[in-house]
N, C-alpha and C. Protein backbone atom coordinates (compact mmCIF):
# COMPACT_ATOMS: atom_id res chain seq x y z
N MET A 1 97.16 120.93 111.18
CA MET A 1 97.31 119.74 110.36
C MET A 1 96.62 118.56 111.04
N GLU A 2 96.67 118.48 112.36
CA GLU A 2 96.08 117.37 113.10
C GLU A 2 94.60 117.21 112.79
N HIS A 3 93.87 118.30 112.73
CA HIS A 3 92.42 118.22 112.47
C HIS A 3 92.11 117.85 111.03
N MET A 4 93.05 118.01 110.12
CA MET A 4 92.81 117.68 108.72
C MET A 4 92.92 116.17 108.47
N LEU A 5 93.64 115.46 109.32
CA LEU A 5 93.86 114.03 109.11
C LEU A 5 93.14 113.21 110.17
N ARG A 6 91.88 113.48 110.38
CA ARG A 6 91.11 112.72 111.35
C ARG A 6 90.80 111.33 110.83
N VAL A 7 90.97 110.36 111.68
CA VAL A 7 90.67 108.98 111.33
C VAL A 7 89.61 108.50 112.31
N ASN A 8 88.52 107.97 111.79
CA ASN A 8 87.42 107.51 112.62
C ASN A 8 87.72 106.09 113.12
N ALA A 9 88.10 105.99 114.39
CA ALA A 9 88.40 104.68 114.98
C ALA A 9 88.01 104.74 116.46
N LEU A 10 88.10 103.61 117.12
CA LEU A 10 87.83 103.56 118.55
C LEU A 10 88.80 104.47 119.28
N PRO A 11 88.37 105.04 120.41
CA PRO A 11 89.23 106.01 121.10
C PRO A 11 90.56 105.45 121.61
N ASP A 12 90.61 104.15 121.93
CA ASP A 12 91.85 103.60 122.48
C ASP A 12 92.77 103.01 121.41
N VAL A 13 92.43 103.21 120.14
CA VAL A 13 93.27 102.72 119.04
C VAL A 13 94.38 103.74 118.79
N PRO A 14 95.63 103.29 118.78
CA PRO A 14 96.71 104.23 118.45
C PRO A 14 96.51 104.81 117.05
N ARG A 15 96.84 106.07 116.91
CA ARG A 15 96.64 106.75 115.63
C ARG A 15 97.36 106.03 114.49
N TRP A 16 98.58 105.56 114.72
CA TRP A 16 99.33 104.88 113.68
C TRP A 16 98.63 103.60 113.24
N ALA A 17 97.99 102.91 114.18
CA ALA A 17 97.28 101.67 113.83
C ALA A 17 96.03 101.98 113.00
N ALA A 18 95.33 103.05 113.38
CA ALA A 18 94.15 103.44 112.61
C ALA A 18 94.54 103.86 111.19
N LEU A 19 95.63 104.61 111.07
CA LEU A 19 96.10 105.02 109.74
C LEU A 19 96.50 103.80 108.91
N ALA A 20 97.15 102.84 109.54
CA ALA A 20 97.54 101.62 108.82
C ALA A 20 96.31 100.87 108.33
N ALA A 21 95.31 100.72 109.20
CA ALA A 21 94.10 99.99 108.82
C ALA A 21 93.34 100.70 107.71
N TYR A 22 93.24 102.02 107.80
CA TYR A 22 92.52 102.76 106.76
C TYR A 22 93.29 102.83 105.45
N ALA A 23 94.59 102.69 105.50
CA ALA A 23 95.40 102.72 104.27
C ALA A 23 95.19 101.47 103.43
N VAL A 24 94.91 100.34 104.07
CA VAL A 24 94.84 99.07 103.34
C VAL A 24 93.80 99.09 102.21
N PRO A 25 92.54 99.48 102.46
CA PRO A 25 91.60 99.51 101.33
C PRO A 25 91.99 100.50 100.24
N LEU A 26 92.68 101.56 100.64
CA LEU A 26 93.10 102.56 99.65
C LEU A 26 94.23 102.04 98.76
N ILE A 27 95.15 101.25 99.33
CA ILE A 27 96.27 100.76 98.51
C ILE A 27 95.85 99.61 97.61
N THR A 28 94.73 98.95 97.91
CA THR A 28 94.25 97.89 97.03
C THR A 28 93.40 98.44 95.89
N LEU A 29 92.94 99.65 96.03
CA LEU A 29 92.06 100.24 95.03
C LEU A 29 92.68 100.39 93.65
N PRO A 30 93.92 100.89 93.50
CA PRO A 30 94.47 101.04 92.14
C PRO A 30 94.54 99.73 91.36
N SER A 31 94.95 98.64 92.00
CA SER A 31 95.01 97.37 91.28
C SER A 31 93.61 96.90 90.89
N GLY A 32 92.65 97.15 91.75
CA GLY A 32 91.26 96.80 91.42
C GLY A 32 90.75 97.60 90.23
N LEU A 33 91.08 98.87 90.21
CA LEU A 33 90.66 99.71 89.07
C LEU A 33 91.35 99.27 87.79
N TRP A 34 92.63 98.84 87.90
CA TRP A 34 93.33 98.33 86.73
C TRP A 34 92.62 97.09 86.19
N ARG A 35 92.21 96.19 87.09
CA ARG A 35 91.52 94.97 86.66
C ARG A 35 90.15 95.29 86.05
N VAL A 36 89.46 96.29 86.59
CA VAL A 36 88.17 96.69 86.01
C VAL A 36 88.40 97.24 84.60
N ALA A 37 89.45 98.03 84.44
CA ALA A 37 89.79 98.55 83.10
C ALA A 37 90.12 97.41 82.15
N LEU A 38 90.83 96.41 82.64
CA LEU A 38 91.15 95.23 81.82
C LEU A 38 89.87 94.51 81.40
N ALA A 39 88.95 94.32 82.35
CA ALA A 39 87.69 93.63 82.06
C ALA A 39 86.81 94.44 81.12
N ALA A 40 86.95 95.77 81.17
CA ALA A 40 86.15 96.64 80.31
C ALA A 40 86.72 96.71 78.89
N GLY A 41 87.88 96.11 78.67
CA GLY A 41 88.47 96.10 77.34
C GLY A 41 89.37 97.29 77.05
N LEU A 42 89.71 98.06 78.06
CA LEU A 42 90.61 99.19 77.84
C LEU A 42 92.02 98.68 77.57
N PRO A 43 92.83 99.41 76.84
CA PRO A 43 94.16 98.92 76.44
C PRO A 43 95.21 99.04 77.56
N VAL A 44 94.99 98.31 78.66
CA VAL A 44 95.93 98.36 79.79
C VAL A 44 96.88 97.17 79.79
N ALA A 45 96.65 96.20 78.91
CA ALA A 45 97.48 95.00 78.85
C ALA A 45 97.65 94.58 77.40
N ALA A 46 98.60 93.66 77.18
CA ALA A 46 98.88 93.18 75.83
C ALA A 46 97.66 92.46 75.25
N GLU A 47 97.01 91.66 76.08
CA GLU A 47 95.85 90.90 75.63
C GLU A 47 94.64 91.26 76.48
N PRO A 48 93.54 91.65 75.88
CA PRO A 48 92.33 91.93 76.67
C PRO A 48 91.71 90.63 77.17
N VAL A 49 90.91 90.75 78.21
CA VAL A 49 90.14 89.60 78.69
C VAL A 49 88.98 89.44 77.74
N ARG A 50 88.88 88.29 77.09
CA ARG A 50 87.90 88.12 76.01
C ARG A 50 86.70 87.27 76.38
N THR A 51 86.85 86.37 77.33
CA THR A 51 85.75 85.46 77.62
C THR A 51 84.91 85.97 78.79
N GLY A 52 83.69 85.52 78.84
CA GLY A 52 82.82 85.87 79.96
C GLY A 52 83.38 85.38 81.28
N TRP A 53 83.98 84.16 81.25
CA TRP A 53 84.57 83.61 82.47
C TRP A 53 85.79 84.42 82.88
N GLY A 54 86.56 84.88 81.93
CA GLY A 54 87.72 85.70 82.24
C GLY A 54 87.33 87.01 82.89
N VAL A 55 86.30 87.64 82.35
CA VAL A 55 85.79 88.89 82.91
C VAL A 55 85.26 88.64 84.33
N LEU A 56 84.51 87.55 84.48
CA LEU A 56 83.96 87.21 85.80
C LEU A 56 85.08 86.97 86.80
N TYR A 57 86.13 86.26 86.38
CA TYR A 57 87.27 85.99 87.26
C TYR A 57 87.95 87.30 87.68
N VAL A 58 88.23 88.16 86.71
CA VAL A 58 88.94 89.41 87.00
C VAL A 58 88.11 90.30 87.93
N LEU A 59 86.82 90.40 87.66
CA LEU A 59 85.97 91.23 88.52
C LEU A 59 85.78 90.61 89.90
N SER A 60 85.68 89.28 89.95
CA SER A 60 85.56 88.60 91.25
C SER A 60 86.82 88.80 92.08
N LEU A 61 87.97 88.70 91.45
CA LEU A 61 89.23 88.93 92.15
C LEU A 61 89.27 90.34 92.74
N THR A 62 88.77 91.29 92.00
CA THR A 62 88.73 92.67 92.47
C THR A 62 87.81 92.81 93.67
N VAL A 63 86.62 92.23 93.60
CA VAL A 63 85.66 92.34 94.70
C VAL A 63 86.20 91.63 95.95
N VAL A 64 86.76 90.44 95.78
CA VAL A 64 87.28 89.69 96.92
C VAL A 64 88.46 90.41 97.57
N SER A 65 89.38 90.90 96.76
CA SER A 65 90.55 91.57 97.35
C SER A 65 90.14 92.85 98.07
N GLU A 66 89.20 93.60 97.53
CA GLU A 66 88.77 94.83 98.21
C GLU A 66 87.97 94.49 99.47
N ALA A 67 87.17 93.44 99.43
CA ALA A 67 86.43 93.02 100.62
C ALA A 67 87.38 92.59 101.73
N LEU A 68 88.41 91.83 101.37
CA LEU A 68 89.41 91.42 102.37
C LEU A 68 90.16 92.63 102.93
N ALA A 69 90.45 93.58 102.07
CA ALA A 69 91.12 94.80 102.52
C ALA A 69 90.23 95.58 103.48
N LEU A 70 88.94 95.64 103.19
CA LEU A 70 88.01 96.36 104.06
C LEU A 70 87.87 95.69 105.42
N LEU A 71 88.07 94.38 105.49
CA LEU A 71 88.02 93.68 106.78
C LEU A 71 89.09 94.20 107.74
N THR A 72 90.16 94.76 107.22
CA THR A 72 91.20 95.33 108.07
C THR A 72 90.64 96.41 108.97
N LEU A 73 89.61 97.10 108.51
CA LEU A 73 89.01 98.15 109.32
C LEU A 73 88.41 97.61 110.61
N GLY A 74 88.05 96.33 110.63
CA GLY A 74 87.53 95.72 111.85
C GLY A 74 88.54 95.73 112.98
N LEU A 75 89.80 95.87 112.66
CA LEU A 75 90.83 95.90 113.70
C LEU A 75 90.87 97.22 114.44
N VAL A 76 90.15 98.22 113.95
CA VAL A 76 90.12 99.54 114.61
C VAL A 76 88.70 100.05 114.83
N GLN A 77 87.71 99.28 114.42
CA GLN A 77 86.31 99.70 114.52
C GLN A 77 85.56 98.87 115.57
N PRO A 78 84.44 99.37 116.08
CA PRO A 78 83.66 98.61 117.07
C PRO A 78 83.22 97.24 116.57
N TRP A 79 82.90 97.10 115.29
CA TRP A 79 82.44 95.81 114.78
C TRP A 79 83.54 94.76 114.75
N GLY A 80 84.76 95.15 115.03
CA GLY A 80 85.85 94.20 115.17
C GLY A 80 86.00 93.68 116.59
N GLU A 81 85.24 94.27 117.50
CA GLU A 81 85.26 93.83 118.90
C GLU A 81 83.96 93.17 119.32
N ILE A 82 82.86 93.66 118.79
CA ILE A 82 81.55 93.06 119.05
C ILE A 82 80.88 92.86 117.69
N VAL A 83 80.49 91.63 117.41
CA VAL A 83 79.88 91.29 116.13
C VAL A 83 78.56 92.07 116.00
N PRO A 84 78.33 92.74 114.87
CA PRO A 84 77.07 93.47 114.69
C PRO A 84 75.86 92.56 114.91
N ARG A 85 74.83 93.11 115.53
CA ARG A 85 73.64 92.33 115.89
C ARG A 85 72.92 91.74 114.69
N TRP A 86 73.05 92.33 113.53
CA TRP A 86 72.32 91.84 112.36
C TRP A 86 72.92 90.55 111.78
N ILE A 87 74.09 90.14 112.24
CA ILE A 87 74.70 88.91 111.74
C ILE A 87 74.07 87.72 112.46
N PRO A 88 73.50 86.77 111.70
CA PRO A 88 72.81 85.64 112.33
C PRO A 88 73.74 84.80 113.21
N LEU A 89 73.18 84.26 114.24
CA LEU A 89 73.80 83.32 115.18
C LEU A 89 74.84 83.94 116.12
N ILE A 90 75.72 84.79 115.62
CA ILE A 90 76.78 85.32 116.48
C ILE A 90 76.66 86.82 116.75
N GLY A 91 75.65 87.48 116.19
CA GLY A 91 75.48 88.92 116.37
C GLY A 91 75.39 89.30 117.83
N GLY A 92 76.11 90.34 118.22
CA GLY A 92 76.10 90.83 119.59
C GLY A 92 77.16 90.20 120.48
N ARG A 93 77.85 89.21 120.01
CA ARG A 93 78.87 88.54 120.82
C ARG A 93 80.21 89.27 120.71
N THR A 94 80.99 89.12 121.75
CA THR A 94 82.33 89.71 121.77
C THR A 94 83.26 88.86 120.91
N VAL A 95 84.05 89.53 120.11
CA VAL A 95 85.04 88.84 119.27
C VAL A 95 86.27 88.57 120.13
N ARG A 96 86.65 87.33 120.21
CA ARG A 96 87.88 87.00 120.94
C ARG A 96 89.06 87.51 120.12
N PRO A 97 90.05 88.08 120.79
CA PRO A 97 91.17 88.68 120.05
C PRO A 97 91.82 87.75 119.04
N LEU A 98 92.07 86.50 119.42
CA LEU A 98 92.74 85.60 118.48
C LEU A 98 91.85 85.24 117.29
N ALA A 99 90.54 85.37 117.43
CA ALA A 99 89.64 85.09 116.30
C ALA A 99 89.81 86.13 115.19
N ALA A 100 90.33 87.28 115.53
CA ALA A 100 90.62 88.30 114.51
C ALA A 100 92.10 88.33 114.15
N VAL A 101 92.95 88.13 115.15
CA VAL A 101 94.39 88.27 114.94
C VAL A 101 94.96 87.12 114.11
N ILE A 102 94.55 85.90 114.39
CA ILE A 102 95.10 84.76 113.64
C ILE A 102 94.78 84.85 112.15
N PRO A 103 93.51 85.07 111.76
CA PRO A 103 93.26 85.22 110.31
C PRO A 103 93.99 86.42 109.70
N ALA A 104 94.10 87.51 110.46
CA ALA A 104 94.81 88.68 109.93
C ALA A 104 96.28 88.37 109.69
N LEU A 105 96.92 87.71 110.65
CA LEU A 105 98.34 87.39 110.48
C LEU A 105 98.56 86.30 109.43
N LEU A 106 97.64 85.35 109.32
CA LEU A 106 97.74 84.36 108.24
C LEU A 106 97.58 85.04 106.88
N GLY A 107 96.66 85.99 106.81
CA GLY A 107 96.49 86.76 105.57
C GLY A 107 97.73 87.56 105.23
N ALA A 108 98.34 88.17 106.25
CA ALA A 108 99.57 88.93 106.02
C ALA A 108 100.69 88.01 105.56
N ALA A 109 100.80 86.83 106.17
CA ALA A 109 101.83 85.87 105.76
C ALA A 109 101.61 85.43 104.32
N THR A 110 100.35 85.22 103.95
CA THR A 110 100.02 84.85 102.57
C THR A 110 100.42 85.97 101.61
N LEU A 111 100.13 87.21 102.00
CA LEU A 111 100.49 88.35 101.16
C LEU A 111 102.00 88.50 101.02
N PHE A 112 102.74 88.29 102.13
CA PHE A 112 104.20 88.33 102.05
C PHE A 112 104.68 87.25 101.07
N GLY A 113 104.10 86.06 101.16
CA GLY A 113 104.47 84.96 100.26
C GLY A 113 104.15 85.28 98.81
N LEU A 114 102.99 85.86 98.56
CA LEU A 114 102.62 86.24 97.19
C LEU A 114 103.59 87.28 96.63
N CYS A 115 103.98 88.23 97.46
CA CYS A 115 104.94 89.25 97.00
C CYS A 115 106.26 88.59 96.61
N GLY A 116 106.71 87.64 97.42
CA GLY A 116 107.95 86.92 97.10
C GLY A 116 107.82 86.12 95.82
N TRP A 117 106.69 85.45 95.65
CA TRP A 117 106.46 84.62 94.46
C TRP A 117 106.41 85.49 93.21
N VAL A 118 105.67 86.60 93.28
CA VAL A 118 105.59 87.50 92.12
C VAL A 118 106.96 88.10 91.82
N GLY A 119 107.71 88.44 92.87
CA GLY A 119 109.07 88.95 92.66
C GLY A 119 109.95 87.93 91.98
N TYR A 120 109.82 86.68 92.39
CA TYR A 120 110.57 85.60 91.75
C TYR A 120 110.20 85.48 90.28
N LEU A 121 108.91 85.50 90.00
CA LEU A 121 108.45 85.38 88.61
C LEU A 121 108.97 86.52 87.74
N GLN A 122 109.00 87.71 88.31
CA GLN A 122 109.46 88.87 87.54
C GLN A 122 110.96 88.81 87.24
N THR A 123 111.71 88.11 88.08
CA THR A 123 113.16 88.05 87.85
C THR A 123 113.59 86.76 87.17
N SER A 124 112.66 85.88 86.90
CA SER A 124 113.02 84.62 86.24
C SER A 124 112.50 84.61 84.81
N ASN A 125 112.80 83.58 84.11
CA ASN A 125 112.33 83.46 82.73
C ASN A 125 110.84 83.15 82.65
N VAL A 126 110.23 82.81 83.77
CA VAL A 126 108.81 82.50 83.78
C VAL A 126 107.99 83.70 83.32
N ALA A 127 108.49 84.90 83.60
CA ALA A 127 107.75 86.11 83.26
C ALA A 127 107.96 86.55 81.82
N ALA A 128 108.72 85.80 81.04
CA ALA A 128 108.97 86.18 79.65
C ALA A 128 107.66 86.29 78.90
N GLY A 129 107.53 87.28 78.11
CA GLY A 129 106.28 87.53 77.39
C GLY A 129 105.52 88.64 78.07
N GLY A 130 105.35 88.55 79.35
CA GLY A 130 104.77 89.62 80.15
C GLY A 130 103.30 89.88 79.89
N ILE A 131 102.77 90.73 80.72
CA ILE A 131 101.36 91.11 80.66
C ILE A 131 101.16 92.28 79.71
N THR A 132 102.18 93.11 79.61
CA THR A 132 102.07 94.31 78.78
C THR A 132 103.01 94.22 77.58
N ASN A 133 102.73 95.06 76.60
CA ASN A 133 103.62 95.11 75.43
C ASN A 133 104.04 96.52 75.08
N ALA A 134 103.78 97.45 75.96
CA ALA A 134 104.17 98.85 75.73
C ALA A 134 104.68 99.45 77.04
N ALA A 135 105.56 100.41 76.94
CA ALA A 135 106.14 101.04 78.12
C ALA A 135 105.08 101.73 78.97
N ALA A 136 104.11 102.37 78.31
CA ALA A 136 103.04 103.06 79.06
C ALA A 136 102.18 102.05 79.83
N GLN A 137 101.89 100.91 79.20
CA GLN A 137 101.13 99.87 79.89
C GLN A 137 101.91 99.34 81.09
N GLN A 138 103.20 99.13 80.90
CA GLN A 138 104.04 98.63 81.99
C GLN A 138 104.08 99.64 83.14
N ALA A 139 104.23 100.91 82.83
CA ALA A 139 104.27 101.95 83.87
C ALA A 139 102.95 102.00 84.63
N LEU A 140 101.84 101.89 83.91
CA LEU A 140 100.53 101.90 84.56
C LEU A 140 100.36 100.67 85.45
N LEU A 141 100.77 99.52 84.96
CA LEU A 141 100.68 98.29 85.74
C LEU A 141 101.49 98.40 87.04
N VAL A 142 102.71 98.88 86.94
CA VAL A 142 103.56 99.03 88.12
C VAL A 142 102.96 100.05 89.09
N ALA A 143 102.47 101.17 88.56
CA ALA A 143 101.87 102.20 89.42
C ALA A 143 100.63 101.67 90.15
N CYS A 144 99.89 100.80 89.51
CA CYS A 144 98.67 100.26 90.13
C CYS A 144 98.95 99.12 91.10
N TYR A 145 99.98 98.33 90.84
CA TYR A 145 100.25 97.16 91.68
C TYR A 145 101.32 97.39 92.74
N ALA A 146 102.20 98.34 92.58
CA ALA A 146 103.26 98.59 93.57
C ALA A 146 102.70 98.90 94.97
N PRO A 147 101.60 99.65 95.09
CA PRO A 147 101.09 99.90 96.45
C PRO A 147 100.71 98.63 97.21
N LEU A 148 100.42 97.55 96.50
CA LEU A 148 100.08 96.30 97.17
C LEU A 148 101.22 95.76 98.02
N LEU A 149 102.45 96.19 97.75
CA LEU A 149 103.59 95.75 98.56
C LEU A 149 103.45 96.19 100.02
N ALA A 150 102.67 97.23 100.26
CA ALA A 150 102.47 97.73 101.63
C ALA A 150 101.35 97.00 102.37
N TRP A 151 100.54 96.21 101.67
CA TRP A 151 99.38 95.57 102.29
C TRP A 151 99.79 94.67 103.45
N ALA A 152 100.72 93.77 103.25
CA ALA A 152 101.12 92.83 104.30
C ALA A 152 101.70 93.54 105.53
N PRO A 153 102.63 94.46 105.37
CA PRO A 153 103.15 95.14 106.57
C PRO A 153 102.09 95.95 107.30
N LEU A 154 101.22 96.64 106.56
CA LEU A 154 100.17 97.43 107.21
C LEU A 154 99.19 96.54 107.96
N LEU A 155 98.81 95.43 107.36
CA LEU A 155 97.91 94.48 108.02
C LEU A 155 98.56 93.90 109.27
N THR A 156 99.84 93.59 109.19
CA THR A 156 100.57 93.07 110.35
C THR A 156 100.58 94.08 111.49
N LEU A 157 100.87 95.33 111.17
CA LEU A 157 100.89 96.38 112.19
C LEU A 157 99.51 96.56 112.84
N ALA A 158 98.47 96.59 112.03
CA ALA A 158 97.11 96.75 112.57
C ALA A 158 96.72 95.56 113.44
N ALA A 159 97.10 94.35 113.04
CA ALA A 159 96.77 93.15 113.81
C ALA A 159 97.52 93.13 115.14
N ILE A 160 98.78 93.51 115.14
CA ILE A 160 99.55 93.55 116.39
C ILE A 160 98.98 94.59 117.34
N ALA A 161 98.62 95.75 116.82
CA ALA A 161 98.03 96.79 117.66
C ALA A 161 96.69 96.32 118.23
N TYR A 162 95.90 95.64 117.41
CA TYR A 162 94.61 95.09 117.87
C TYR A 162 94.85 94.11 119.00
N TYR A 163 95.78 93.20 118.82
CA TYR A 163 96.07 92.19 119.83
C TYR A 163 96.52 92.84 121.14
N ARG A 164 97.44 93.76 121.04
CA ARG A 164 97.94 94.44 122.25
C ARG A 164 96.82 95.18 122.97
N ARG A 165 96.01 95.88 122.21
CA ARG A 165 94.91 96.66 122.80
C ARG A 165 93.87 95.76 123.44
N ARG A 166 93.52 94.67 122.76
CA ARG A 166 92.46 93.79 123.26
C ARG A 166 92.91 92.89 124.39
N THR A 167 94.18 92.54 124.46
CA THR A 167 94.63 91.63 125.51
C THR A 167 95.10 92.36 126.76
N THR A 168 95.27 93.66 126.70
CA THR A 168 95.65 94.41 127.90
C THR A 168 94.45 95.13 128.51
N SER A 169 93.27 95.01 127.88
CA SER A 169 92.08 95.66 128.42
C SER A 169 91.38 94.75 129.41
N LEU A 170 90.27 95.22 129.91
CA LEU A 170 89.50 94.45 130.89
C LEU A 170 88.99 93.15 130.29
N PRO A 171 88.94 92.07 131.08
CA PRO A 171 88.42 90.80 130.56
C PRO A 171 86.91 90.88 130.32
N VAL A 172 86.39 89.93 129.57
CA VAL A 172 84.96 89.86 129.29
C VAL A 172 84.23 89.65 130.61
N GLN A 173 83.14 90.39 130.82
CA GLN A 173 82.34 90.27 132.03
C GLN A 173 81.63 88.94 132.08
N ALA A 174 81.44 88.44 133.29
CA ALA A 174 80.71 87.16 133.46
C ALA A 174 79.30 87.31 132.91
N GLY A 175 78.87 86.32 132.18
CA GLY A 175 77.53 86.32 131.60
C GLY A 175 77.46 86.97 130.23
N GLU A 176 78.51 87.68 129.83
CA GLU A 176 78.52 88.32 128.51
C GLU A 176 78.89 87.27 127.46
N PRO A 177 78.08 87.16 126.41
CA PRO A 177 78.41 86.14 125.39
C PRO A 177 79.70 86.50 124.67
N ALA A 178 80.46 85.49 124.32
CA ALA A 178 81.71 85.67 123.57
C ALA A 178 81.68 84.78 122.35
N CYS A 179 82.28 85.26 121.26
CA CYS A 179 82.35 84.46 120.05
C CYS A 179 83.23 83.24 120.31
N PRO A 180 82.84 82.10 119.81
CA PRO A 180 83.66 80.92 119.99
C PRO A 180 84.97 80.99 119.24
């Protein structure tokens, strides 16, 4: 079984941290696919997205959320420790641990807050009317969005593992450039 669940990460990354980081883009995918279906006019919600701006917004939200989820992989990949050389101005520099950990933990805190806010809306009268008007649509919506509840805890775990790994390793060598 061990060989079937290989995760491509740095050798000193704990397996649980690598699995957490790789899970994040996967758990954001169903909600993104739901939004693409909504933008395509499929009957996944009570009201389809009708305007060009609405479609652009829904698709942009999908691209941004998946891009942010993919950034989690930097916490277990080499490009999360040394900026790739092709990036202008900072390419090849060492990433300081807090330069990755602080945005990751702020993102996780934001996600925890969003989960609380959405939970509040679902239990209050604000959610009256709803996004869906059929049981099948509601089931699909829940199935696609429920995995997002794991995003914040998984990101937090990956960020803590990154911090521990990076701050207990050898310090940056003298003369080696470091990201500001």
